[in-house]
Amino acid sequence: MRTISKQTSYLLLAASGAAILIFLNFYYHRLNPFHLAGKQFLGFYSLLILATLGNILLLRQQYPRLASQINVFCLLLGIARLIQGTYHHKPVGYLILLLLFPIITAFWLRAGSHPTY
């Protein structure tokens, strides 16, 4: 199996983050995901989850801590938007369903980090 250098992994993260910001700017004309409407945020968050899962699959063997940090960022962004939506009495059901993916991924990453005997 070919290894990925630390610089390449950071470049991959920067490229996927830039692609998501470009998506936000071109389609919604905003760079702040907290200013998006509900359906727009769900589209953005779905794209973020896909990019996060792709990065985690590539990085989890060599850099498990970095993969966990990426997942925690995605999870915290969703939780922050969940709190914002609940505070403003907006429906958050679909967001809760989308939050299951980073939660399951966190358990999967944690289970994969322990040595098997």
PDB file of N, CA and C in Angstrom:
ATOM      1  N   MET A   1       0.831  -1.169   0.000  1.00  0.00           N
ATOM      2  CA  MET A   1       0.000   0.000   0.000  1.00  0.00           C
ATOM      3  C   MET A   1       0.883   1.243   0.000  1.00  0.00           C
ATOM      4  N   ARG A   2       0.536   2.195  -0.801  1.00  0.00           N
ATOM      5  CA  ARG A   2       1.328   3.414  -0.926  1.00  0.00           C
ATOM      6  C   ARG A   2       0.996   4.363   0.215  1.00  0.00           C
ATOM      7  N   THR A   3       2.008   4.988   0.778  1.00  0.00           N
ATOM      8  CA  THR A   3       1.800   5.902   1.897  1.00  0.00           C
ATOM      9  C   THR A   3       1.635   7.330   1.390  1.00  0.00           C
ATOM     10  N   ILE A   4       0.909   8.100   2.161  1.00  0.00           N
ATOM     11  CA  ILE A   4       0.669   9.501   1.844  1.00  0.00           C
ATOM     12  C   ILE A   4       1.511  10.330   2.805  1.00  0.00           C
ATOM     13  N   SER A   5       2.288  11.263   2.267  1.00  0.00           N
ATOM     14  CA  SER A   5       3.111  12.102   3.133  1.00  0.00           C
ATOM     15  C   SER A   5       2.234  13.104   3.878  1.00  0.00           C
ATOM     16  N   LYS A   6       2.773  13.646   4.942  1.00  0.00           N
ATOM     17  CA  LYS A   6       2.036  14.613   5.754  1.00  0.00           C
ATOM     18  C   LYS A   6       1.693  15.864   4.940  1.00  0.00           C
ATOM     19  N   GLN A   7       2.633  16.307   4.089  1.00  0.00           N
ATOM     20  CA  GLN A   7       2.382  17.492   3.261  1.00  0.00           C
ATOM     21  C   GLN A   7       1.264  17.216   2.257  1.00  0.00           C
ATOM     22  N   THR A   8       1.247  16.014   1.688  1.00  0.00           N
ATOM     23  CA  THR A   8       0.199  15.664   0.734  1.00  0.00           C
ATOM     24  C   THR A   8      -1.159  15.599   1.418  1.00  0.00           C
ATOM     25  N   SER A   9      -1.190  15.100   2.647  1.00  0.00           N
ATOM     26  CA  SER A   9      -2.462  15.027   3.356  1.00  0.00           C
ATOM     27  C   SER A   9      -2.988  16.418   3.666  1.00  0.00           C
ATOM     28  N   TYR A  10      -2.102  17.338   4.067  1.00  0.00           N
ATOM     29  CA  TYR A  10      -2.543  18.709   4.304  1.00  0.00           C
ATOM     30  C   TYR A  10      -2.993  19.388   3.015  1.00  0.00           C
ATOM     31  N   LEU A  11      -2.313  19.101   1.913  1.00  0.00           N
ATOM     32  CA  LEU A  11      -2.713  19.655   0.619  1.00  0.00           C
ATOM     33  C   LEU A  11      -4.085  19.120   0.212  1.00  0.00           C
ATOM     34  N   LEU A  12      -4.324  17.850   0.454  1.00  0.00           N
ATOM     35  CA  LEU A  12      -5.624  17.247   0.161  1.00  0.00           C
ATOM     36  C   LEU A  12      -6.729  17.895   0.985  1.00  0.00           C
ATOM     37  N   LEU A  13      -6.467  18.131   2.265  1.00  0.00           N
ATOM     38  CA  LEU A  13      -7.453  18.794   3.121  1.00  0.00           C
ATOM     39  C   LEU A  13      -7.718  20.222   2.666  1.00  0.00           C
ATOM     40  N   ALA A  14      -6.657  20.936   2.314  1.00  0.00           N
ATOM     41  CA  ALA A  14      -6.813  22.314   1.859  1.00  0.00           C
ATOM     42  C   ALA A  14      -7.607  22.369   0.545  1.00  0.00           C
ATOM     43  N   ALA A  15      -7.341  21.426  -0.349  1.00  0.00           N
ATOM     44  CA  ALA A  15      -8.056  21.402  -1.631  1.00  0.00           C
ATOM     45  C   ALA A  15      -9.535  21.094  -1.436  1.00  0.00           C
ATOM     46  N   SER A  16      -9.847  20.133  -0.567  1.00  0.00           N
ATOM     47  CA  SER A  16     -11.261  19.818  -0.352  1.00  0.00           C
ATOM     48  C   SER A  16     -11.965  20.964   0.374  1.00  0.00           C
ATOM     49  N   GLY A  17     -11.275  21.619   1.321  1.00  0.00           N
ATOM     50  CA  GLY A  17     -11.864  22.777   1.990  1.00  0.00           C
ATOM     51  C   GLY A  17     -12.091  23.933   1.034  1.00  0.00           C
ATOM     52  N   ALA A  18     -11.123  24.166   0.139  1.00  0.00           N
ATOM     53  CA  ALA A  18     -11.278  25.229  -0.855  1.00  0.00           C
ATOM     54  C   ALA A  18     -12.417  24.917  -1.817  1.00  0.00           C
ATOM     55  N   ALA A  19     -12.565  23.648  -2.195  1.00  0.00           N
ATOM     56  CA  ALA A  19     -13.652  23.268  -3.097  1.00  0.00           C
ATOM     57  C   ALA A  19     -15.009  23.523  -2.452  1.00  0.00           C
ATOM     58  N   ILE A  20     -15.118  23.251  -1.158  1.00  0.00           N
ATOM     59  CA  ILE A  20     -16.388  23.494  -0.459  1.00  0.00           C
ATOM     60  C   ILE A  20     -16.662  24.992  -0.357  1.00  0.00           C
ATOM     61  N   LEU A  21     -15.629  25.795  -0.088  1.00  0.00           N
ATOM     62  CA  LEU A  21     -15.827  27.245  -0.031  1.00  0.00           C
ATOM     63  C   LEU A  21     -16.183  27.822  -1.397  1.00  0.00           C
ATOM     64  N   ILE A  22     -15.582  27.286  -2.451  1.00  0.00           N
ATOM     65  CA  ILE A  22     -15.934  27.723  -3.810  1.00  0.00           C
ATOM     66  C   ILE A  22     -17.379  27.363  -4.120  1.00  0.00           C
ATOM     67  N   PHE A  23     -17.802  26.166  -3.704  1.00  0.00           N
ATOM     68  CA  PHE A  23     -19.202  25.760  -3.872  1.00  0.00           C
ATOM     69  C   PHE A  23     -20.123  26.740  -3.165  1.00  0.00           C
ATOM     70  N   LEU A  24     -19.801  27.104  -1.923  1.00  0.00           N
ATOM     71  CA  LEU A  24     -20.624  28.066  -1.183  1.00  0.00           C
ATOM     72  C   LEU A  24     -20.686  29.407  -1.888  1.00  0.00           C
ATOM     73  N   ASN A  25     -19.558  29.872  -2.371  1.00  0.00           N
ATOM     74  CA  ASN A  25     -19.509  31.187  -2.993  1.00  0.00           C
ATOM     75  C   ASN A  25     -20.262  31.214  -4.321  1.00  0.00           C
ATOM     76  N   PHE A  26     -20.081  30.209  -5.165  1.00  0.00           N
ATOM     77  CA  PHE A  26     -20.710  30.233  -6.486  1.00  0.00           C
ATOM     78  C   PHE A  26     -22.202  29.945  -6.451  1.00  0.00           C
ATOM     79  N   TYR A  27     -22.619  29.004  -5.626  1.00  0.00           N
ATOM     80  CA  TYR A  27     -24.030  28.633  -5.631  1.00  0.00           C
ATOM     81  C   TYR A  27     -24.878  29.478  -4.699  1.00  0.00           C
ATOM     82  N   TYR A  28     -24.337  29.895  -3.569  1.00  0.00           N
ATOM     83  CA  TYR A  28     -25.135  30.619  -2.582  1.00  0.00           C
ATOM     84  C   TYR A  28     -24.650  32.040  -2.339  1.00  0.00           C
ATOM     85  N   HIS A  29     -23.529  32.428  -2.947  1.00  0.00           N
ATOM     86  CA  HIS A  29     -22.969  33.775  -2.837  1.00  0.00           C
ATOM     87  C   HIS A  29     -22.701  34.166  -1.390  1.00  0.00           C
ATOM     88  N   ARG A  30     -22.280  33.184  -0.589  1.00  0.00           N
ATOM     89  CA  ARG A  30     -21.928  33.407   0.811  1.00  0.00           C
ATOM     90  C   ARG A  30     -20.771  32.498   1.178  1.00  0.00           C
ATOM     91  N   LEU A  31     -19.991  32.926   2.120  1.00  0.00           N
ATOM     92  CA  LEU A  31     -18.903  32.083   2.613  1.00  0.00           C
ATOM     93  C   LEU A  31     -19.162  31.583   4.029  1.00  0.00           C
ATOM     94  N   ASN A  32     -20.161  32.126   4.688  1.00  0.00           N
ATOM     95  CA  ASN A  32     -20.484  31.718   6.048  1.00  0.00           C
ATOM     96  C   ASN A  32     -21.651  30.736   6.011  1.00  0.00           C
ATOM     97  N   PRO A  33     -21.437  29.476   6.395  1.00  0.00           N
ATOM     98  CA  PRO A  33     -22.532  28.505   6.326  1.00  0.00           C
ATOM     99  C   PRO A  33     -23.649  28.777   7.318  1.00  0.00           C
ATOM    100  N   PHE A  34     -23.404  29.596   8.335  1.00  0.00           N
ATOM    101  CA  PHE A  34     -24.459  29.891   9.304  1.00  0.00           C
ATOM    102  C   PHE A  34     -25.458  30.917   8.779  1.00  0.00           C
ATOM    103  N   HIS A  35     -25.164  31.536   7.651  1.00  0.00           N
ATOM    104  CA  HIS A  35     -26.096  32.483   7.043  1.00  0.00           C
ATOM    105  C   HIS A  35     -26.902  31.844   5.926  1.00  0.00           C
ATOM    106  N   LEU A  36     -26.786  30.548   5.756  1.00  0.00           N
ATOM    107  CA  LEU A  36     -27.548  29.849   4.724  1.00  0.00           C
ATOM    108  C   LEU A  36     -28.926  29.480   5.253  1.00  0.00           C
ATOM    109  N   ALA A  37     -29.890  29.382   4.340  1.00  0.00           N
ATOM    110  CA  ALA A  37     -31.211  28.893   4.710  1.00  0.00           C
ATOM    111  C   ALA A  37     -31.126  27.390   4.977  1.00  0.00           C
ATOM    112  N   GLY A  38     -32.188  26.830   5.490  1.00  0.00           N
ATOM    113  CA  GLY A  38     -32.188  25.435   5.905  1.00  0.00           C
ATOM    114  C   GLY A  38     -31.818  24.449   4.812  1.00  0.00           C
ATOM    115  N   LYS A  39     -32.498  24.514   3.666  1.00  0.00           N
ATOM    116  CA  LYS A  39     -32.211  23.578   2.571  1.00  0.00           C
ATOM    117  C   LYS A  39     -30.811  23.799   2.003  1.00  0.00           C
ATOM    118  N   GLN A  40     -30.401  25.047   1.950  1.00  0.00           N
ATOM    119  CA  GLN A  40     -29.055  25.344   1.456  1.00  0.00           C
ATOM    120  C   GLN A  40     -27.996  24.778   2.396  1.00  0.00           C
ATOM    121  N   PHE A  41     -28.231  24.906   3.700  1.00  0.00           N
ATOM    122  CA  PHE A  41     -27.257  24.359   4.644  1.00  0.00           C
ATOM    123  C   PHE A  41     -27.213  22.844   4.568  1.00  0.00           C
ATOM    124  N   LEU A  42     -28.354  22.205   4.370  1.00  0.00           N
ATOM    125  CA  LEU A  42     -28.361  20.749   4.258  1.00  0.00           C
ATOM    126  C   LEU A  42     -27.562  20.290   3.043  1.00  0.00           C
ATOM    127  N   GLY A  43     -27.665  21.022   1.926  1.00  0.00           N
ATOM    128  CA  GLY A  43     -26.851  20.707   0.752  1.00  0.00           C
ATOM    129  C   GLY A  43     -25.372  20.889   1.029  1.00  0.00           C
ATOM    130  N   PHE A  44     -25.033  22.002   1.672  1.00  0.00           N
ATOM    131  CA  PHE A  44     -23.638  22.257   2.031  1.00  0.00           C
ATOM    132  C   PHE A  44     -23.126  21.199   2.997  1.00  0.00           C
ATOM    133  N   TYR A  45     -23.915  20.863   4.005  1.00  0.00           N
ATOM    134  CA  TYR A  45     -23.467  19.912   5.021  1.00  0.00           C
ATOM    135  C   TYR A  45     -23.338  18.505   4.442  1.00  0.00           C
ATOM    136  N   SER A  46     -24.208  18.150   3.501  1.00  0.00           N
ATOM    137  CA  SER A  46     -24.079  16.849   2.830  1.00  0.00           C
ATOM    138  C   SER A  46     -22.773  16.782   2.052  1.00  0.00           C
ATOM    139  N   LEU A  47     -22.443  17.852   1.354  1.00  0.00           N
ATOM    140  CA  LEU A  47     -21.178  17.905   0.625  1.00  0.00           C
ATOM    141  C   LEU A  47     -19.987  17.853   1.583  1.00  0.00           C
ATOM    142  N   LEU A  48     -20.093  18.544   2.705  1.00  0.00           N
ATOM    143  CA  LEU A  48     -19.023  18.525   3.706  1.00  0.00           C
ATOM    144  C   LEU A  48     -18.838  17.122   4.273  1.00  0.00           C
ATOM    145  N   ILE A  49     -19.922  16.422   4.527  1.00  0.00           N
ATOM    146  CA  ILE A  49     -19.828  15.049   5.051  1.00  0.00           C
ATOM    147  C   ILE A  49     -19.153  14.143   4.034  1.00  0.00           C
ATOM    148  N   LEU A  50     -19.525  14.265   2.764  1.00  0.00           N
ATOM    149  CA  LEU A  50     -18.893  13.436   1.729  1.00  0.00           C
ATOM    150  C   LEU A  50     -17.400  13.724   1.617  1.00  0.00           C
ATOM    151  N   ALA A  51     -17.033  14.998   1.641  1.00  0.00           N
ATOM    152  CA  ALA A  51     -15.617  15.350   1.571  1.00  0.00           C
ATOM    153  C   ALA A  51     -14.877  14.866   2.811  1.00  0.00           C
ATOM    154  N   THR A  52     -15.513  14.982   3.966  1.00  0.00           N
ATOM    155  CA  THR A  52     -14.903  14.533   5.216  1.00  0.00           C
ATOM    156  C   THR A  52     -14.693  13.029   5.205  1.00  0.00           C
ATOM    157  N   LEU A  53     -15.702  12.288   4.782  1.00  0.00           N
ATOM    158  CA  LEU A  53     -15.571  10.835   4.742  1.00  0.00           C
ATOM    159  C   LEU A  53     -14.500  10.403   3.751  1.00  0.00           C
ATOM    160  N   GLY A  54     -14.411  11.088   2.620  1.00  0.00           N
ATOM    161  CA  GLY A  54     -13.352  10.775   1.650  1.00  0.00           C
ATOM    162  C   GLY A  54     -11.969  11.010   2.231  1.00  0.00           C
ATOM    163  N   ASN A  55     -11.803  12.131   2.925  1.00  0.00           N
ATOM    164  CA  ASN A  55     -10.506  12.414   3.553  1.00  0.00           C
ATOM    165  C   ASN A  55     -10.196  11.423   4.668  1.00  0.00           C
ATOM    166  N   ILE A  56     -11.207  11.050   5.430  1.00  0.00           N
ATOM    167  CA  ILE A  56     -10.992  10.108   6.526  1.00  0.00           C
ATOM    168  C   ILE A  56     -10.587   8.742   5.987  1.00  0.00           C
ATOM    169  N   LEU A  57     -11.233   8.310   4.918  1.00  0.00           N
ATOM    170  CA  LEU A  57     -10.874   7.011   4.343  1.00  0.00           C
ATOM    171  C   LEU A  57      -9.433   6.995   3.844  1.00  0.00           C
ATOM    172  N   LEU A  58      -8.963   8.127   3.334  1.00  0.00           N
ATOM    173  CA  LEU A  58      -7.584   8.193   2.857  1.00  0.00           C
ATOM    174  C   LEU A  58      -6.564   8.332   3.986  1.00  0.00           C
ATOM    175  N   LEU A  59      -6.944   8.964   5.077  1.00  0.00           N
ATOM    176  CA  LEU A  59      -5.972   9.324   6.103  1.00  0.00           C
ATOM    177  C   LEU A  59      -6.027   8.469   7.365  1.00  0.00           C
ATOM    178  N   ARG A  60      -7.034   7.644   7.533  1.00  0.00           N
ATOM    179  CA  ARG A  60      -7.218   6.983   8.822  1.00  0.00           C
ATOM    180  C   ARG A  60      -6.137   5.974   9.161  1.00  0.00           C
ATOM    181  N   GLN A  61      -5.491   5.363   8.191  1.00  0.00           N
ATOM    182  CA  GLN A  61      -4.453   4.383   8.485  1.00  0.00           C
ATOM    183  C   GLN A  61      -3.168   5.050   8.955  1.00  0.00           C
ATOM    184  N   GLN A  62      -2.739   6.083   8.272  1.00  0.00           N
ATOM    185  CA  GLN A  62      -1.454   6.712   8.589  1.00  0.00           C
ATOM    186  C   GLN A  62      -1.583   7.821   9.619  1.00  0.00           C
ATOM    187  N   TYR A  63      -2.662   8.576   9.572  1.00  0.00           N
ATOM    188  CA  TYR A  63      -2.836   9.724  10.452  1.00  0.00           C
ATOM    189  C   TYR A  63      -4.198   9.647  11.142  1.00  0.00           C
ATOM    190  N   PRO A  64      -4.369   8.723  12.085  1.00  0.00           N
ATOM    191  CA  PRO A  64      -5.690   8.569  12.713  1.00  0.00           C
ATOM    192  C   PRO A  64      -6.113   9.796  13.526  1.00  0.00           C
ATOM    193  N   ARG A  65      -5.152  10.486  14.117  1.00  0.00           N
ATOM    194  CA  ARG A  65      -5.509  11.671  14.901  1.00  0.00           C
ATOM    195  C   ARG A  65      -6.029  12.785  13.997  1.00  0.00           C
ATOM    196  N   LEU A  66      -5.397  12.989  12.866  1.00  0.00           N
ATOM    197  CA  LEU A  66      -5.850  13.993  11.910  1.00  0.00           C
ATOM    198  C   LEU A  66      -7.238  13.636  11.377  1.00  0.00           C
ATOM    199  N   ALA A  67      -7.462  12.361  11.097  1.00  0.00           N
ATOM    200  CA  ALA A  67      -8.778  11.923  10.627  1.00  0.00           C
ATOM    201  C   ALA A  67      -9.841  12.186  11.688  1.00  0.00           C
ATOM    202  N   SER A  68      -9.514  11.951  12.952  1.00  0.00           N
ATOM    203  CA  SER A  68     -10.463  12.217  14.032  1.00  0.00           C
ATOM    204  C   SER A  68     -10.745  13.704  14.163  1.00  0.00           C
ATOM    205  N   GLN A  69      -9.729  14.533  14.003  1.00  0.00           N
ATOM    206  CA  GLN A  69      -9.920  15.978  14.110  1.00  0.00           C
ATOM    207  C   GLN A  69     -10.810  16.505  12.986  1.00  0.00           C
ATOM    208  N   ILE A  70     -10.654  15.957  11.800  1.00  0.00           N
ATOM    209  CA  ILE A  70     -11.515  16.355  10.680  1.00  0.00           C
ATOM    210  C   ILE A  70     -12.965  15.996  10.992  1.00  0.00           C
ATOM    211  N   ASN A  71     -13.172  14.805  11.520  1.00  0.00           N
ATOM    212  CA  ASN A  71     -14.518  14.355  11.841  1.00  0.00           C
ATOM    213  C   ASN A  71     -15.124  15.196  12.961  1.00  0.00           C
ATOM    214  N   VAL A  72     -14.335  15.550  13.959  1.00  0.00           N
ATOM    215  CA  VAL A  72     -14.831  16.372  15.063  1.00  0.00           C
ATOM    216  C   VAL A  72     -15.238  17.754  14.551  1.00  0.00           C
ATOM    217  N   PHE A  73     -14.463  18.323  13.634  1.00  0.00           N
ATOM    218  CA  PHE A  73     -14.828  19.617  13.046  1.00  0.00           C
ATOM    219  C   PHE A  73     -16.187  19.533  12.352  1.00  0.00           C
ATOM    220  N   CYS A  74     -16.382  18.497  11.565  1.00  0.00           N
ATOM    221  CA  CYS A  74     -17.651  18.322  10.849  1.00  0.00           C
ATOM    222  C   CYS A  74     -18.802  18.144  11.842  1.00  0.00           C
ATOM    223  N   LEU A  75     -18.573  17.368  12.880  1.00  0.00           N
ATOM    224  CA  LEU A  75     -19.598  17.126  13.887  1.00  0.00           C
ATOM    225  C   LEU A  75     -19.933  18.407  14.648  1.00  0.00           C
ATOM    226  N   LEU A  76     -18.929  19.175  15.038  1.00  0.00           N
ATOM    227  CA  LEU A  76     -19.174  20.412  15.782  1.00  0.00           C
ATOM    228  C   LEU A  76     -19.901  21.459  14.939  1.00  0.00           C
ATOM    229  N   LEU A  77     -19.593  21.509  13.657  1.00  0.00           N
ATOM    230  CA  LEU A  77     -20.311  22.431  12.775  1.00  0.00           C
ATOM    231  C   LEU A  77     -21.797  22.069  12.711  1.00  0.00           C
ATOM    232  N   GLY A  78     -22.086  20.785  12.587  1.00  0.00           N
ATOM    233  CA  GLY A  78     -23.484  20.347  12.554  1.00  0.00           C
ATOM    234  C   GLY A  78     -24.195  20.585  13.867  1.00  0.00           C
ATOM    235  N   ILE A  79     -23.508  20.351  14.988  1.00  0.00           N
ATOM    236  CA  ILE A  79     -24.124  20.581  16.304  1.00  0.00           C
ATOM    237  C   ILE A  79     -24.386  22.063  16.522  1.00  0.00           C
ATOM    238  N   ALA A  80     -23.454  22.907  16.084  1.00  0.00           N
ATOM    239  CA  ALA A  80     -23.662  24.358  16.217  1.00  0.00           C
ATOM    240  C   ALA A  80     -24.879  24.805  15.414  1.00  0.00           C
ATOM    241  N   ARG A  81     -25.030  24.264  14.215  1.00  0.00           N
ATOM    242  CA  ARG A  81     -26.190  24.635  13.397  1.00  0.00           C
ATOM    243  C   ARG A  81     -27.474  24.049  13.985  1.00  0.00           C
ATOM    244  N   LEU A  82     -27.385  22.881  14.604  1.00  0.00           N
ATOM    245  CA  LEU A  82     -28.537  22.284  15.278  1.00  0.00           C
ATOM    246  C   LEU A  82     -28.995  23.172  16.426  1.00  0.00           C
ATOM    247  N   ILE A  83     -28.048  23.680  17.206  1.00  0.00           N
ATOM    248  CA  ILE A  83     -28.392  24.577  18.310  1.00  0.00           C
ATOM    249  C   ILE A  83     -28.997  25.867  17.774  1.00  0.00           C
ATOM    250  N   GLN A  84     -28.428  26.397  16.690  1.00  0.00           N
ATOM    251  CA  GLN A  84     -28.956  27.619  16.094  1.00  0.00           C
ATOM    252  C   GLN A  84     -30.383  27.402  15.593  1.00  0.00           C
ATOM    253  N   GLY A  85     -30.618  26.295  14.923  1.00  0.00           N
ATOM    254  CA  GLY A  85     -31.956  26.016  14.419  1.00  0.00           C
ATOM    255  C   GLY A  85     -32.965  25.779  15.518  1.00  0.00           C
ATOM    256  N   THR A  86     -32.563  25.103  16.571  1.00  0.00           N
ATOM    257  CA  THR A  86     -33.467  24.863  17.695  1.00  0.00           C
ATOM    258  C   THR A  86     -33.792  26.174  18.407  1.00  0.00           C
ATOM    259  N   TYR A  87     -32.800  27.031  18.547  1.00  0.00           N
ATOM    260  CA  TYR A  87     -32.997  28.326  19.197  1.00  0.00           C
ATOM    261  C   TYR A  87     -34.008  29.173  18.425  1.00  0.00           C
ATOM    262  N   HIS A  88     -33.968  29.099  17.103  1.00  0.00           N
ATOM    263  CA  HIS A  88     -34.876  29.897  16.268  1.00  0.00           C
ATOM    264  C   HIS A  88     -36.152  29.146  15.912  1.00  0.00           C
ATOM    265  N   HIS A  89     -36.416  28.018  16.576  1.00  0.00           N
ATOM    266  CA  HIS A  89     -37.631  27.224  16.396  1.00  0.00           C
ATOM    267  C   HIS A  89     -37.819  26.776  14.946  1.00  0.00           C
ATOM    268  N   LYS A  90     -36.752  26.297  14.338  1.00  0.00           N
ATOM    269  CA  LYS A  90     -36.780  25.773  12.975  1.00  0.00           C
ATOM    270  C   LYS A  90     -36.764  24.253  13.016  1.00  0.00           C
ATOM    271  N   PRO A  91     -37.298  23.598  11.997  1.00  0.00           N
ATOM    272  CA  PRO A  91     -37.232  22.124  11.965  1.00  0.00           C
ATOM    273  C   PRO A  91     -35.796  21.656  11.717  1.00  0.00           C
ATOM    274  N   VAL A  92     -35.350  20.696  12.511  1.00  0.00           N
ATOM    275  CA  VAL A  92     -33.973  20.220  12.426  1.00  0.00           C
ATOM    276  C   VAL A  92     -33.899  18.705  12.230  1.00  0.00           C
ATOM    277  N   GLY A  93     -34.971  18.091  11.814  1.00  0.00           N
ATOM    278  CA  GLY A  93     -35.012  16.637  11.684  1.00  0.00           C
ATOM    279  C   GLY A  93     -34.006  16.084  10.687  1.00  0.00           C
ATOM    280  N   TYR A  94     -33.929  16.689   9.521  1.00  0.00           N
ATOM    281  CA  TYR A  94     -32.984  16.206   8.510  1.00  0.00           C
ATOM    282  C   TYR A  94     -31.536  16.419   8.956  1.00  0.00           C
ATOM    283  N   LEU A  95     -31.300  17.501   9.673  1.00  0.00           N
ATOM    284  CA  LEU A  95     -29.952  17.752  10.180  1.00  0.00           C
ATOM    285  C   LEU A  95     -29.558  16.698  11.209  1.00  0.00           C
ATOM    286  N   ILE A  96     -30.505  16.286  12.038  1.00  0.00           N
ATOM    287  CA  ILE A  96     -30.218  15.225  13.009  1.00  0.00           C
ATOM    288  C   ILE A  96     -29.867  13.931  12.289  1.00  0.00           C
ATOM    289  N   LEU A  97     -30.573  13.633  11.207  1.00  0.00           N
ATOM    290  CA  LEU A  97     -30.241  12.435  10.432  1.00  0.00           C
ATOM    291  C   LEU A  97     -28.847  12.544   9.813  1.00  0.00           C
ATOM    292  N   LEU A  98     -28.505  13.729   9.319  1.00  0.00           N
ATOM    293  CA  LEU A  98     -27.170  13.914   8.748  1.00  0.00           C
ATOM    294  C   LEU A  98     -26.085  13.867   9.814  1.00  0.00           C
ATOM    295  N   LEU A  99     -26.403  14.269  11.031  1.00  0.00           N
ATOM    296  CA  LEU A  99     -25.422  14.218  12.118  1.00  0.00           C
ATOM    297  C   LEU A  99     -25.082  12.786  12.518  1.00  0.00           C
ATOM    298  N   LEU A 100     -25.926  11.843  12.152  1.00  0.00           N
ATOM    299  CA  LEU A 100     -25.627  10.445  12.474  1.00  0.00           C
ATOM    300  C   LEU A 100     -24.371   9.961  11.762  1.00  0.00           C
ATOM    301  N   PHE A 101     -24.106  10.464  10.564  1.00  0.00           N
ATOM    302  CA  PHE A 101     -22.915  10.029   9.814  1.00  0.00           C
ATOM    303  C   PHE A 101     -21.610  10.369  10.533  1.00  0.00           C
ATOM    304  N   PRO A 102     -21.392  11.610  10.975  1.00  0.00           N
ATOM    305  CA  PRO A 102     -20.147  11.871  11.712  1.00  0.00           C
ATOM    306  C   PRO A 102     -20.078  11.145  13.060  1.00  0.00           C
ATOM    307  N   ILE A 103     -21.234  10.935  13.696  1.00  0.00           N
ATOM    308  CA  ILE A 103     -21.235  10.213  14.972  1.00  0.00           C
ATOM    309  C   ILE A 103     -20.832   8.763  14.757  1.00  0.00           C
ATOM    310  N   ILE A 104     -21.407   8.126  13.759  1.00  0.00           N
ATOM    311  CA  ILE A 104     -21.047   6.739  13.453  1.00  0.00           C
ATOM    312  C   ILE A 104     -19.584   6.652  13.029  1.00  0.00           C
ATOM    313  N   THR A 105     -19.134   7.629  12.254  1.00  0.00           N
ATOM    314  CA  THR A 105     -17.733   7.653  11.834  1.00  0.00           C
ATOM    315  C   THR A 105     -16.805   7.810  13.032  1.00  0.00           C
ATOM    316  N   ALA A 106     -17.205   8.605  14.022  1.00  0.00           N
ATOM    317  CA  ALA A 106     -16.383   8.768  15.221  1.00  0.00           C
ATOM    318  C   ALA A 106     -16.240   7.439  15.964  1.00  0.00           C
ATOM    319  N   PHE A 107     -17.339   6.701  16.093  1.00  0.00           N
ATOM    320  CA  PHE A 107     -17.261   5.390  16.739  1.00  0.00           C
ATOM    321  C   PHE A 107     -16.419   4.425  15.917  1.00  0.00           C
ATOM    322  N   TRP A 108     -16.541   4.498  14.601  1.00  0.00           N
ATOM    323  CA  TRP A 108     -15.763   3.632  13.718  1.00  0.00           C
ATOM    324  C   TRP A 108     -14.272   3.932  13.828  1.00  0.00           C
ATOM    325  N   LEU A 109     -13.930   5.225  13.875  1.00  0.00           N
ATOM    326  CA  LEU A 109     -12.524   5.602  14.017  1.00  0.00           C
ATOM    327  C   LEU A 109     -11.980   5.179  15.376  1.00  0.00           C
ATOM    328  N   ARG A 110     -12.798   5.314  16.397  1.00  0.00           N
ATOM    329  CA  ARG A 110     -12.353   4.917  17.732  1.00  0.00           C
ATOM    330  C   ARG A 110     -12.165   3.410  17.831  1.00  0.00           C
ATOM    331  N   ALA A 111     -13.058   2.660  17.223  1.00  0.00           N
ATOM    332  CA  ALA A 111     -12.933   1.200  17.259  1.00  0.00           C
ATOM    333  C   ALA A 111     -11.718   0.740  16.476  1.00  0.00           C
ATOM    334  N   GLY A 112     -11.371   1.440  15.413  1.00  0.00           N
ATOM    335  CA  GLY A 112     -10.216   1.064  14.595  1.00  0.00           C
ATOM    336  C   GLY A 112      -8.892   1.456  15.198  1.00  0.00           C
ATOM    337  N   SER A 113      -8.893   2.321  16.228  1.00  0.00           N
ATOM    338  CA  SER A 113      -7.644   2.785  16.815  1.00  0.00           C
ATOM    339  C   SER A 113      -7.112   1.851  17.895  1.00  0.00           C
ATOM    340  N   HIS A 114      -7.951   0.948  18.402  1.00  0.00           N
ATOM    341  CA  HIS A 114      -7.509   0.020  19.445  1.00  0.00           C
ATOM    342  C   HIS A 114      -6.871  -1.214  18.827  1.00  0.00           C
ATOM    343  N   PRO A 115      -5.813  -1.688  19.406  1.00  0.00           N
ATOM    344  CA  PRO A 115      -5.205  -2.921  18.880  1.00  0.00           C
ATOM    345  C   PRO A 115      -6.084  -4.115  19.190  1.00  0.00           C
ATOM    346  N   THR A 116      -6.125  -5.066  18.282  1.00  0.00           N
ATOM    347  CA  THR A 116      -6.906  -6.274  18.501  1.00  0.00           C
ATOM    348  C   THR A 116      -6.000  -7.352  19.055  1.00  0.00           C
ATOM    349  N   TYR A 117      -6.504  -8.114  19.987  1.00  0.00           N
ATOM    350  CA  TYR A 117      -5.701  -9.169  20.621  1.00  0.00           C
ATOM    351  C   TYR A 117      -6.223 -10.527  20.241  1.00  0.00           C
TER     352      TYR A 117
END
